[in-house]
């Protein structure tokens, strides 16, 4: 349920670099400026193709030129998560939240990485914050249900899965089916 960001590319760095080079007059630049948009797009294409090591390299190039590019930080987190590098994913999501603390999707991604690494209390906190910021974020309600199961709180898990069903758009059929299965199990059916 992780999402690769398609937008949010910061081109300000390219503009500033161009202005700085123009101000140098006849000075010949020693390195070509980084085409952030191109590397970001290429990273997304690699990620969509499942070539996460190549995607990681492209996102790192973007972040070398623009260290606070929230979309690149987030997508690098997704790529790390997809390769099983949970520490790397958590680190990137945390950096992205430092730049954009009100982003519910990043919080939900961070929570999912915490779940996978067995840090259920941290996951609980991030899912709750994500839901506060974006009450209709279906994946956060689903994840919250999973966390409550892990923490031995079936009543809260039921509430979370019911809320998931209320806001679920059906975009993730596996989650839709799993939520129903969890509810049946939790209700003893």
Protein backbone atom coordinates (compact mmCIF):
# COMPACT_ATOMS: atom_id res chain seq x y z
CA UNK A 1 0.00 0.00 0.00
CA UNK A 2 3.01 2.26 -0.35
CA UNK A 3 2.65 4.97 -2.94
CA UNK A 4 5.36 6.41 -5.13
CA UNK A 5 4.92 10.16 -5.49
CA UNK A 6 4.54 11.50 -8.99
CA UNK A 7 4.70 15.21 -8.25
CA UNK A 8 6.28 17.68 -5.91
CA UNK A 9 9.58 18.01 -7.74
CA UNK A 10 11.53 21.03 -6.62
CA UNK A 11 13.06 22.77 -9.62
CA UNK A 12 14.22 25.77 -7.63
CA UNK A 13 17.67 24.20 -7.27
CA UNK A 14 18.09 24.09 -11.06
CA UNK A 15 17.03 27.72 -11.40
CA UNK A 16 19.39 28.85 -8.65
CA UNK A 17 22.25 26.87 -10.14
CA UNK A 18 21.60 28.41 -13.56
CA UNK A 19 21.55 31.90 -12.09
CA UNK A 20 24.78 31.26 -10.19
CA UNK A 21 26.50 30.01 -13.34
CA UNK A 22 25.26 33.00 -15.33
CA UNK A 23 26.61 35.34 -12.65
CA UNK A 24 30.05 33.79 -13.05
CA UNK A 25 30.36 35.29 -16.52
CA UNK A 26 33.01 33.49 -18.54
CA UNK A 27 33.67 30.85 -15.93
CA UNK A 28 33.25 27.36 -17.34
CA UNK A 29 31.35 25.05 -15.04
CA UNK A 30 33.27 21.96 -14.01
CA UNK A 31 30.18 19.79 -13.74
CA UNK A 32 26.85 19.66 -15.50
CA UNK A 33 23.89 20.69 -13.35
CA UNK A 34 21.73 17.83 -12.17
CA UNK A 35 18.46 17.50 -14.04
CA UNK A 36 16.34 16.79 -10.96
CA UNK A 37 13.11 16.26 -12.89
CA UNK A 38 14.69 13.74 -15.23
CA UNK A 39 16.32 11.72 -12.44
CA UNK A 40 13.12 11.79 -10.39
CA UNK A 41 11.09 10.58 -13.37
CA UNK A 42 13.64 7.87 -14.10
CA UNK A 43 13.55 6.77 -10.46
CA UNK A 44 9.76 6.47 -10.65
CA UNK A 45 10.00 4.44 -13.86
CA UNK A 46 12.51 2.06 -12.27
CA UNK A 47 10.35 1.74 -9.15
CA UNK A 48 7.24 0.98 -11.24
CA UNK A 49 9.24 -1.69 -13.08
CA UNK A 50 10.38 -3.22 -9.78
CA UNK A 51 14.01 -2.22 -10.36
CA UNK A 52 14.41 -0.76 -6.91
CA UNK A 53 18.22 -0.66 -6.82
CA UNK A 54 18.20 1.55 -9.92
CA UNK A 55 15.37 3.64 -8.46
CA UNK A 56 17.38 4.13 -5.27
CA UNK A 57 20.35 5.40 -7.28
CA UNK A 58 18.17 7.91 -9.15
CA UNK A 59 16.47 9.22 -6.00
CA UNK A 60 19.88 9.60 -4.34
CA UNK A 61 21.02 11.76 -7.26
CA UNK A 62 17.96 13.97 -6.79
CA UNK A 63 18.63 14.24 -3.06
CA UNK A 64 22.28 15.08 -3.71
CA UNK A 65 21.08 18.18 -5.55
CA UNK A 66 18.01 18.87 -3.38
CA UNK A 67 18.32 17.21 0.07
CA UNK A 68 14.88 18.36 1.19
CA UNK A 69 12.93 17.09 -1.81
CA UNK A 70 10.03 15.47 0.04
CA UNK A 71 8.90 13.39 -2.92
CA UNK A 72 12.39 11.97 -3.48
CA UNK A 73 12.80 11.28 0.26
CA UNK A 74 9.46 9.50 0.34
CA UNK A 75 10.05 7.51 -2.83
CA UNK A 76 13.50 6.52 -1.62
CA UNK A 77 11.79 5.26 1.53
CA UNK A 78 9.36 3.24 -0.60
CA UNK A 79 12.24 1.77 -2.61
CA UNK A 80 14.14 0.83 0.56
CA UNK A 81 10.97 -0.69 2.04
CA UNK A 82 10.43 -2.69 -1.15
CA UNK A 83 13.96 -4.13 -0.95
CA UNK A 84 13.55 -5.06 2.72
CA UNK A 85 15.81 -2.27 4.00
CA UNK A 86 13.48 -1.21 6.80
CA UNK A 87 16.10 0.89 8.59
CA UNK A 88 16.71 2.83 5.38
CA UNK A 89 12.97 3.25 4.82
CA UNK A 90 12.40 4.50 8.36
CA UNK A 91 15.30 6.95 8.03
CA UNK A 92 13.99 8.39 4.74
CA UNK A 93 10.41 8.70 5.95
CA UNK A 94 11.66 10.41 9.11
CA UNK A 95 13.65 12.90 7.02
CA UNK A 96 10.60 13.52 4.83
CA UNK A 97 8.51 14.20 7.94
CA UNK A 98 11.14 16.67 9.17
CA UNK A 99 10.41 18.65 5.99
CA UNK A 100 6.67 17.96 5.79
CA UNK A 101 5.34 16.96 9.25
CA UNK A 102 1.67 17.30 8.25
CA UNK A 103 1.84 14.67 5.48
CA UNK A 104 -0.45 11.81 6.50
CA UNK A 105 0.69 9.53 3.66
CA UNK A 106 4.32 9.70 4.79
CA UNK A 107 3.25 8.97 8.37
CA UNK A 108 1.29 5.95 7.16
CA UNK A 109 4.32 4.71 5.19
CA UNK A 110 6.54 5.19 8.25
CA UNK A 111 4.03 3.27 10.37
CA UNK A 112 4.03 0.38 7.87
CA UNK A 113 7.83 0.20 8.08
CA UNK A 114 7.58 0.18 11.87
CA UNK A 115 5.06 -2.69 11.70
CA UNK A 116 7.38 -4.72 9.47
CA UNK A 117 10.26 -4.13 11.90
CA UNK A 118 8.14 -5.14 14.91
CA UNK A 119 7.98 -1.64 16.42
CA UNK A 120 4.24 -1.73 17.09
CA UNK A 121 4.04 1.15 19.59
CA UNK A 122 5.82 3.47 17.15
CA UNK A 123 3.53 2.23 14.36
CA UNK A 124 0.47 2.90 16.52
CA UNK A 125 1.59 6.48 17.16
CA UNK A 126 2.23 7.18 13.47
CA UNK A 127 -1.04 5.62 12.28
CA UNK A 128 -2.98 7.64 14.85
CA UNK A 129 -1.28 10.87 13.74
CA UNK A 130 -1.91 10.01 10.08
CA UNK A 131 -5.62 9.51 10.80
CA UNK A 132 -5.79 12.78 12.73
CA UNK A 133 -4.34 14.55 9.69
CA UNK A 134 -6.38 12.68 7.09
CA UNK A 135 -9.38 10.84 8.60
CA UNK A 136 -10.29 9.10 5.33
CA UNK A 137 -6.84 7.56 4.75
CA UNK A 138 -7.97 3.94 4.33
CA UNK A 139 -4.53 2.33 4.53
CA UNK A 140 -3.89 3.97 7.91
CA UNK A 141 -7.11 2.49 9.32
CA UNK A 142 -6.18 -0.93 7.93
CA UNK A 143 -2.67 -0.70 9.39
CA UNK A 144 -4.06 0.47 12.70
CA UNK A 145 -6.24 -2.65 12.81
CA UNK A 146 -3.20 -4.85 12.23
CA UNK A 147 -1.28 -3.05 14.98
CA UNK A 148 -4.14 -3.48 17.44
CA UNK A 149 -4.18 -7.21 16.69
CA UNK A 150 -0.44 -7.37 17.39
CA UNK A 151 -0.92 -5.44 20.62
CA UNK A 152 -3.72 -7.78 21.77
CA UNK A 153 -6.55 -5.26 21.53
CA UNK A 154 -9.26 -6.97 19.42
CA UNK A 155 -12.00 -4.42 20.20
CA UNK A 156 -9.92 -1.55 18.83
CA UNK A 157 -8.87 -3.72 15.88
CA UNK A 158 -12.53 -4.30 14.98
CA UNK A 159 -13.22 -0.55 15.13
CA UNK A 160 -10.22 0.17 12.90
CA UNK A 161 -11.23 -2.42 10.28
CA UNK A 162 -14.85 -1.23 10.30
CA UNK A 163 -13.62 2.32 9.73
CA UNK A 164 -11.35 1.03 6.96
CA UNK A 165 -14.39 -0.50 5.27
CA UNK A 166 -16.27 2.80 5.56
CA UNK A 167 -13.52 4.80 3.81
CA UNK A 168 -12.17 2.07 1.51
CA UNK A 169 -12.45 2.96 -2.16
CA UNK A 170 -11.57 -0.56 -3.30
CA UNK A 171 -8.28 0.52 -4.83
CA UNK A 172 -6.44 -2.26 -2.97
CA UNK A 173 -8.55 -5.40 -3.38
CA UNK A 174 -6.21 -7.48 -1.26
CA UNK A 175 -6.61 -5.09 1.69
CA UNK A 176 -10.38 -5.04 1.19
CA UNK A 177 -10.51 -8.85 1.34
CA UNK A 178 -8.07 -9.08 4.24
CA UNK A 179 -10.04 -6.56 6.30
CA UNK A 180 -13.16 -8.68 5.89
CA UNK A 181 -11.23 -11.82 6.89
CA UNK A 182 -9.79 -10.10 9.95
CA UNK A 183 -13.25 -8.92 10.99
CA UNK A 184 -14.70 -12.41 10.63
CA UNK A 185 -11.88 -13.86 12.74
CA UNK A 186 -12.10 -11.15 15.37
CA UNK A 187 -15.85 -11.55 15.65
CA UNK A 188 -15.50 -15.32 15.86
CA UNK A 189 -17.41 -16.10 12.68
